Amino acid sequence: MKTATKKRTRLAESQTSTTAATAPPAGLNTTQEKIIDAVSEMLAHGGHPDNIEQLLRASLGHRFRRELEDSFKDLPEDRERVITRWLAEGLGEWKTDLAIAWRANQRADRPEIEPKTFSERIRAQSRDVLIEHSEEFLRSAEPEEIQVLVEILDFRNGGIIDRIKGVNEIPLGEAFGCTLDRNETYIRIPKGLRGKVQKYIDALITLESEAA
């Protein structure tokens, strides 16, 4: 599906329609200005999911119809089938591209804070790396992978972790475990005590096994 989307994108960028684009008018009436303002706001900062999908279908469907006008001049039904398939295949990718742009615009509005300490510089660098990985993940991940990550983050940010005693240091690790139905928990242990803690855990496991 990704290959088909790339081919379709190249076609949309390279194919020249015999129908020339209408030049913008010298002036716009009130309705035109309202539409342009609303569309510009949605493209730059997002909007209701249903409105975003309708905008993508309407605008890109219009573009595809113009580009395929000569190729399917006598076969309008075939043209509509092709356009319907293209829209279905590309919709997820287009939504992801918009979401990435929205997040970039939000970051641009935030004031830049110069890291002052060594730990702040490490944290800032790690945050930038995570943003890059997250954007690449959104572009290439399967829908099931995205859904798993959404559930993990919802669990981590929903306040449930805060009510579990002893896991407040690494709540994300606990959220992974709970979402993936694993019994492990995640806590920080000083390196010098790791061996002693492991022996204590092994002893507890032995006692539980004997009790069973």
C-alpha atoms as a PDB file:
ATOM      1  CA  MET A   1       0.000   0.000   0.000  1.00  0.00           C
ATOM      2  CA  LYS A   2       2.894   2.345   0.766  1.00  0.00           C
ATOM      3  CA  THR A   3       4.363   1.734  -2.707  1.00  0.00           C
ATOM      4  CA  ALA A   4       1.037   2.488  -4.333  1.00  0.00           C
ATOM      5  CA  THR A   5       0.762   5.681  -2.302  1.00  0.00           C
ATOM      6  CA  LYS A   6       4.222   6.817  -3.373  1.00  0.00           C
ATOM      7  CA  LYS A   7       3.400   6.117  -7.030  1.00  0.00           C
ATOM      8  CA  ARG A   8       0.166   8.019  -6.684  1.00  0.00           C
ATOM      9  CA  THR A   9       1.977  10.958  -5.031  1.00  0.00           C
ATOM     10  CA  ARG A  10       4.536  11.100  -7.832  1.00  0.00           C
ATOM     11  CA  LEU A  11       1.731  11.024 -10.378  1.00  0.00           C
ATOM     12  CA  ALA A  12      -0.046  13.850  -8.581  1.00  0.00           C
ATOM     13  CA  GLU A  13       3.147  15.918  -8.579  1.00  0.00           C
ATOM     14  CA  SER A  14       4.284  15.240 -12.127  1.00  0.00           C
ATOM     15  CA  GLN A  15       1.169  14.761 -14.241  1.00  0.00           C
ATOM     16  CA  THR A  16      -0.041  17.903 -16.024  1.00  0.00           C
ATOM     17  CA  SER A  17      -3.737  18.241 -16.658  1.00  0.00           C
ATOM     18  CA  THR A  18      -4.991  19.791 -19.862  1.00  0.00           C
ATOM     19  CA  THR A  19      -7.433  21.754 -17.735  1.00  0.00           C
ATOM     20  CA  ALA A  20      -5.512  24.838 -16.707  1.00  0.00           C
ATOM     21  CA  ALA A  21      -5.826  25.919 -13.109  1.00  0.00           C
ATOM     22  CA  THR A  22      -8.063  28.908 -12.730  1.00  0.00           C
ATOM     23  CA  ALA A  23      -6.141  32.024 -11.760  1.00  0.00           C
ATOM     24  CA  PRO A  24      -7.135  33.420  -8.368  1.00  0.00           C
ATOM     25  CA  PRO A  25      -9.529  36.341  -8.630  1.00  0.00           C
ATOM     26  CA  ALA A  26      -8.404  39.852  -7.895  1.00  0.00           C
ATOM     27  CA  GLY A  27     -10.771  40.005  -4.918  1.00  0.00           C
ATOM     28  CA  LEU A  28     -12.571  37.472  -2.746  1.00  0.00           C
ATOM     29  CA  ASN A  29     -16.072  37.740  -1.393  1.00  0.00           C
ATOM     30  CA  THR A  30     -16.943  37.147   2.247  1.00  0.00           C
ATOM     31  CA  THR A  31     -17.754  33.455   1.817  1.00  0.00           C
ATOM     32  CA  GLN A  32     -14.493  32.755  -0.010  1.00  0.00           C
ATOM     33  CA  GLU A  33     -12.480  34.533   2.672  1.00  0.00           C
ATOM     34  CA  LYS A  34     -14.190  32.542   5.449  1.00  0.00           C
ATOM     35  CA  ILE A  35     -13.464  29.261   3.666  1.00  0.00           C
ATOM     36  CA  ILE A  36      -9.815  30.156   3.089  1.00  0.00           C
ATOM     37  CA  ASP A  37      -9.364  31.210   6.723  1.00  0.00           C
ATOM     38  CA  ALA A  38     -10.969  27.996   8.022  1.00  0.00           C
ATOM     39  CA  VAL A  39      -8.965  25.722   5.708  1.00  0.00           C
ATOM     40  CA  SER A  40      -5.703  27.523   6.501  1.00  0.00           C
ATOM     41  CA  GLU A  41      -6.345  27.133  10.229  1.00  0.00           C
ATOM     42  CA  MET A  42      -7.116  23.419   9.863  1.00  0.00           C
ATOM     43  CA  LEU A  43      -4.016  22.752   7.763  1.00  0.00           C
ATOM     44  CA  ALA A  44      -1.736  24.651  10.133  1.00  0.00           C
ATOM     45  CA  HIS A  45      -3.142  23.685  13.533  1.00  0.00           C
ATOM     46  CA  GLY A  46      -5.681  20.862  13.109  1.00  0.00           C
ATOM     47  CA  GLY A  47      -9.385  20.550  13.775  1.00  0.00           C
ATOM     48  CA  HIS A  48     -12.157  18.045  14.340  1.00  0.00           C
ATOM     49  CA  PRO A  49     -11.158  14.639  12.877  1.00  0.00           C
ATOM     50  CA  ASP A  50     -14.321  14.443  10.745  1.00  0.00           C
ATOM     51  CA  ASN A  51     -13.654  17.886   9.276  1.00  0.00           C
ATOM     52  CA  ILE A  52     -10.024  17.010   8.536  1.00  0.00           C
ATOM     53  CA  GLU A  53     -11.072  13.842   6.694  1.00  0.00           C
ATOM     54  CA  GLN A  54     -13.721  15.700   4.703  1.00  0.00           C
ATOM     55  CA  LEU A  55     -11.167  18.356   3.771  1.00  0.00           C
ATOM     56  CA  LEU A  56      -8.670  15.743   2.548  1.00  0.00           C
ATOM     57  CA  ARG A  57     -11.279  13.838   0.556  1.00  0.00           C
ATOM     58  CA  ALA A  58     -12.717  16.977  -1.030  1.00  0.00           C
ATOM     59  CA  SER A  59      -9.446  18.719  -1.906  1.00  0.00           C
ATOM     60  CA  LEU A  60      -7.412  15.705  -3.030  1.00  0.00           C
ATOM     61  CA  GLY A  61     -10.421  14.137  -4.750  1.00  0.00           C
ATOM     62  CA  HIS A  62     -10.801  17.376  -6.719  1.00  0.00           C
ATOM     63  CA  ARG A  63      -7.124  17.310  -7.628  1.00  0.00           C
ATOM     64  CA  PHE A  64      -7.221  13.673  -8.763  1.00  0.00           C
ATOM     65  CA  ARG A  65     -10.298  14.322 -10.922  1.00  0.00           C
ATOM     66  CA  ARG A  66      -8.510  17.146 -12.700  1.00  0.00           C
ATOM     67  CA  GLU A  67      -5.397  15.047 -13.264  1.00  0.00           C
ATOM     68  CA  LEU A  68      -7.339  12.048 -14.622  1.00  0.00           C
ATOM     69  CA  GLU A  69      -9.780  14.016 -16.748  1.00  0.00           C
ATOM     70  CA  ASP A  70      -8.068  13.217 -20.064  1.00  0.00           C
ATOM     71  CA  SER A  71      -7.139   9.634 -19.139  1.00  0.00           C
ATOM     72  CA  PHE A  72     -10.741   8.666 -18.339  1.00  0.00           C
ATOM     73  CA  LYS A  73     -12.646  11.092 -20.546  1.00  0.00           C
ATOM     74  CA  ASP A  74     -15.064   8.429 -21.780  1.00  0.00           C
ATOM     75  CA  LEU A  75     -14.965   6.273 -18.642  1.00  0.00           C
ATOM     76  CA  PRO A  76     -16.149   8.447 -15.745  1.00  0.00           C
ATOM     77  CA  GLU A  77     -17.189   5.454 -13.638  1.00  0.00           C
ATOM     78  CA  ASP A  78     -13.720   3.908 -13.925  1.00  0.00           C
ATOM     79  CA  ARG A  79     -12.184   7.248 -12.999  1.00  0.00           C
ATOM     80  CA  GLU A  80     -14.301   7.459  -9.847  1.00  0.00           C
ATOM     81  CA  ARG A  81     -13.294   3.923  -8.860  1.00  0.00           C
ATOM     82  CA  VAL A  82      -9.614   4.827  -9.223  1.00  0.00           C
ATOM     83  CA  ILE A  83     -10.058   8.017  -7.202  1.00  0.00           C
ATOM     84  CA  THR A  84     -11.985   6.196  -4.490  1.00  0.00           C
ATOM     85  CA  ARG A  85      -9.169   3.633  -4.202  1.00  0.00           C
ATOM     86  CA  TRP A  86      -6.471   6.323  -4.102  1.00  0.00           C
ATOM     87  CA  LEU A  87      -8.296   8.211  -1.365  1.00  0.00           C
ATOM     88  CA  ALA A  88      -8.763   5.054   0.711  1.00  0.00           C
ATOM     89  CA  GLU A  89      -5.098   4.070   0.355  1.00  0.00           C
ATOM     90  CA  GLY A  90      -3.643   7.495   1.041  1.00  0.00           C
ATOM     91  CA  LEU A  91      -5.904   8.870   3.761  1.00  0.00           C
ATOM     92  CA  GLY A  92      -3.937   7.460   6.708  1.00  0.00           C
ATOM     93  CA  GLU A  93      -0.610   8.751   5.406  1.00  0.00           C
ATOM     94  CA  TRP A  94      -1.999  12.226   4.685  1.00  0.00           C
ATOM     95  CA  LYS A  95      -3.480  12.462   8.179  1.00  0.00           C
ATOM     96  CA  THR A  96      -0.105  11.488   9.657  1.00  0.00           C
ATOM     97  CA  ASP A  97       1.702  14.138   7.616  1.00  0.00           C
ATOM     98  CA  LEU A  98      -0.737  16.773   8.858  1.00  0.00           C
ATOM     99  CA  ALA A  99      -0.360  15.618  12.466  1.00  0.00           C
ATOM    100  CA  ILE A 100       3.434  15.914  12.227  1.00  0.00           C
ATOM    101  CA  ALA A 101       3.102  19.435  10.813  1.00  0.00           C
ATOM    102  CA  TRP A 102       0.706  20.424  13.619  1.00  0.00           C
ATOM    103  CA  ARG A 103       3.138  19.246  16.285  1.00  0.00           C
ATOM    104  CA  ALA A 104       5.987  21.113  14.570  1.00  0.00           C
ATOM    105  CA  ASN A 105       3.910  24.293  14.554  1.00  0.00           C
ATOM    106  CA  GLN A 106       3.123  23.864  18.240  1.00  0.00           C
ATOM    107  CA  ARG A 107       6.820  23.471  19.058  1.00  0.00           C
ATOM    108  CA  ALA A 108       7.629  26.599  17.081  1.00  0.00           C
ATOM    109  CA  ASP A 109       5.316  28.612  19.354  1.00  0.00           C
ATOM    110  CA  ARG A 110       7.086  27.515  22.512  1.00  0.00           C
ATOM    111  CA  PRO A 111       9.821  29.809  23.845  1.00  0.00           C
ATOM    112  CA  GLU A 112      13.295  28.375  23.513  1.00  0.00           C
ATOM    113  CA  ILE A 113      14.850  27.690  26.925  1.00  0.00           C
ATOM    114  CA  GLU A 114      18.619  27.487  26.970  1.00  0.00           C
ATOM    115  CA  PRO A 115      19.731  24.466  29.044  1.00  0.00           C
ATOM    116  CA  LYS A 116      22.007  25.661  31.844  1.00  0.00           C
ATOM    117  CA  THR A 117      23.078  22.516  33.652  1.00  0.00           C
ATOM    118  CA  PHE A 118      24.660  19.338  32.309  1.00  0.00           C
ATOM    119  CA  SER A 119      21.561  17.260  33.121  1.00  0.00           C
ATOM    120  CA  GLU A 120      19.317  19.807  31.395  1.00  0.00           C
ATOM    121  CA  ARG A 121      21.459  19.597  28.235  1.00  0.00           C
ATOM    122  CA  ILE A 122      21.226  15.788  28.256  1.00  0.00           C
ATOM    123  CA  ARG A 123      17.464  15.960  28.782  1.00  0.00           C
ATOM    124  CA  ALA A 124      17.032  18.493  25.953  1.00  0.00           C
ATOM    125  CA  GLN A 125      19.122  16.408  23.553  1.00  0.00           C
ATOM    126  CA  SER A 126      17.241  13.219  24.450  1.00  0.00           C
ATOM    127  CA  ARG A 127      13.919  15.007  23.940  1.00  0.00           C
ATOM    128  CA  ASP A 128      14.945  16.104  20.428  1.00  0.00           C
ATOM    129  CA  VAL A 129      16.016  12.552  19.553  1.00  0.00           C
ATOM    130  CA  LEU A 130      12.718  11.193  20.876  1.00  0.00           C
ATOM    131  CA  ILE A 131      10.748  13.707  18.787  1.00  0.00           C
ATOM    132  CA  GLU A 132      12.590  12.592  15.643  1.00  0.00           C
ATOM    133  CA  HIS A 133      11.983   8.910  16.427  1.00  0.00           C
ATOM    134  CA  SER A 134       8.321   9.594  17.195  1.00  0.00           C
ATOM    135  CA  GLU A 135       7.757  11.402  13.909  1.00  0.00           C
ATOM    136  CA  GLU A 136       9.426   8.605  11.961  1.00  0.00           C
ATOM    137  CA  PHE A 137       7.351   6.063  13.895  1.00  0.00           C
ATOM    138  CA  LEU A 138       4.130   7.871  12.969  1.00  0.00           C
ATOM    139  CA  ARG A 139       5.147   7.838   9.306  1.00  0.00           C
ATOM    140  CA  SER A 140       6.055   4.167   9.045  1.00  0.00           C
ATOM    141  CA  ALA A 141       4.337   2.259  11.867  1.00  0.00           C
ATOM    142  CA  GLU A 142       1.518  -0.178  11.317  1.00  0.00           C
ATOM    143  CA  PRO A 143      -1.898   0.824  12.725  1.00  0.00           C
ATOM    144  CA  GLU A 144      -1.656  -1.923  15.353  1.00  0.00           C
ATOM    145  CA  GLU A 145       1.683  -0.575  16.586  1.00  0.00           C
ATOM    146  CA  ILE A 146       0.280   2.923  16.880  1.00  0.00           C
ATOM    147  CA  GLN A 147      -2.717   1.632  18.820  1.00  0.00           C
ATOM    148  CA  VAL A 148      -0.467  -0.216  21.305  1.00  0.00           C
ATOM    149  CA  LEU A 149       1.598   2.911  21.903  1.00  0.00           C
ATOM    150  CA  VAL A 150      -1.550   5.016  22.314  1.00  0.00           C
ATOM    151  CA  GLU A 151      -2.835   2.596  24.976  1.00  0.00           C
ATOM    152  CA  ILE A 152       0.508   2.661  26.789  1.00  0.00           C
ATOM    153  CA  LEU A 153       0.640   6.464  26.857  1.00  0.00           C
ATOM    154  CA  ASP A 154      -3.018   6.697  27.896  1.00  0.00           C
ATOM    155  CA  PHE A 155      -2.257   4.327  30.779  1.00  0.00           C
ATOM    156  CA  ARG A 156       0.840   6.295  31.754  1.00  0.00           C
ATOM    157  CA  ASN A 157      -0.882   9.708  31.592  1.00  0.00           C
ATOM    158  CA  GLY A 158      -4.239   8.652  33.009  1.00  0.00           C
ATOM    159  CA  GLY A 159      -3.211   8.839  36.662  1.00  0.00           C
ATOM    160  CA  ILE A 160      -3.566   5.101  37.286  1.00  0.00           C
ATOM    161  CA  ILE A 161       0.182   4.616  37.728  1.00  0.00           C
ATOM    162  CA  ASP A 162       0.280   7.268  40.448  1.00  0.00           C
ATOM    163  CA  ARG A 163      -1.961   5.103  42.620  1.00  0.00           C
ATOM    164  CA  ILE A 164       0.311   2.035  42.379  1.00  0.00           C
ATOM    165  CA  LYS A 165       2.736   2.030  45.277  1.00  0.00           C
ATOM    166  CA  GLY A 166       6.435   1.838  44.455  1.00  0.00           C
ATOM    167  CA  VAL A 167       6.354   2.520  40.713  1.00  0.00           C
ATOM    168  CA  ASN A 168       6.383   6.314  40.691  1.00  0.00           C
ATOM    169  CA  GLU A 169      10.024   6.436  39.586  1.00  0.00           C
ATOM    170  CA  ILE A 170       9.480   4.816  36.177  1.00  0.00           C
ATOM    171  CA  PRO A 171       5.758   5.056  35.395  1.00  0.00           C
ATOM    172  CA  LEU A 172       6.297   4.469  31.676  1.00  0.00           C
ATOM    173  CA  GLY A 173       7.817   1.052  32.356  1.00  0.00           C
ATOM    174  CA  GLU A 174       4.838   0.107  34.503  1.00  0.00           C
ATOM    175  CA  ALA A 175       2.476   1.296  31.752  1.00  0.00           C
ATOM    176  CA  PHE A 176       4.254  -0.948  29.228  1.00  0.00           C
ATOM    177  CA  GLY A 177       3.937  -3.924  31.559  1.00  0.00           C
ATOM    178  CA  CYS A 178       0.251  -3.377  32.299  1.00  0.00           C
ATOM    179  CA  THR A 179      -0.678  -2.750  28.660  1.00  0.00           C
ATOM    180  CA  LEU A 180       1.201  -5.818  27.412  1.00  0.00           C
ATOM    181  CA  ASP A 181      -0.127  -7.958  30.291  1.00  0.00           C
ATOM    182  CA  ARG A 182       3.300  -8.613  31.785  1.00  0.00           C
ATOM    183  CA  ASN A 183       4.028  -9.178  35.475  1.00  0.00           C
ATOM    184  CA  GLU A 184       7.313  -7.273  35.596  1.00  0.00           C
ATOM    185  CA  THR A 185       7.594  -3.923  37.342  1.00  0.00           C
ATOM    186  CA  TYR A 186      10.280  -1.287  36.898  1.00  0.00           C
ATOM    187  CA  ILE A 187      12.161   0.416  39.731  1.00  0.00           C
ATOM    188  CA  ARG A 188      15.528   2.121  39.941  1.00  0.00           C
ATOM    189  CA  ILE A 189      18.221   0.333  41.943  1.00  0.00           C
ATOM    190  CA  PRO A 190      21.640   1.791  42.824  1.00  0.00           C
ATOM    191  CA  LYS A 191      24.319  -0.206  40.999  1.00  0.00           C
ATOM    192  CA  GLY A 192      26.087  -1.108  44.220  1.00  0.00           C
ATOM    193  CA  LEU A 193      22.924  -2.748  45.595  1.00  0.00           C
ATOM    194  CA  ARG A 194      21.841  -4.582  42.467  1.00  0.00           C
ATOM    195  CA  GLY A 195      23.325  -7.929  43.553  1.00  0.00           C
ATOM    196  CA  LYS A 196      21.773  -7.787  47.008  1.00  0.00           C
ATOM    197  CA  VAL A 197      18.356  -6.835  45.612  1.00  0.00           C
ATOM    198  CA  GLN A 198      18.537  -9.700  43.123  1.00  0.00           C
ATOM    199  CA  LYS A 199      19.339 -12.193  45.905  1.00  0.00           C
ATOM    200  CA  TYR A 200      16.378 -10.880  47.893  1.00  0.00           C
ATOM    201  CA  ILE A 201      14.080 -11.266  44.871  1.00  0.00           C
ATOM    202  CA  ASP A 202      15.366 -14.815  44.254  1.00  0.00           C
ATOM    203  CA  ALA A 203      14.668 -15.683  47.902  1.00  0.00           C
ATOM    204  CA  LEU A 204      11.105 -14.364  47.645  1.00  0.00           C
ATOM    205  CA  ILE A 205      10.514 -16.368  44.462  1.00  0.00           C
ATOM    206  CA  THR A 206      11.782 -19.510  46.220  1.00  0.00           C
ATOM    207  CA  LEU A 207       9.474 -18.933  49.174  1.00  0.00           C
ATOM    208  CA  GLU A 208       6.491 -18.414  46.883  1.00  0.00           C
ATOM    209  CA  SER A 209       7.300 -21.595  44.970  1.00  0.00           C
ATOM    210  CA  GLU A 210       7.590 -23.670  48.174  1.00  0.00           C
ATOM    211  CA  ALA A 211       4.345 -22.197  49.504  1.00  0.00           C
ATOM    212  CA  ALA A 212       2.525 -23.151  46.316  1.00  0.00           C
END
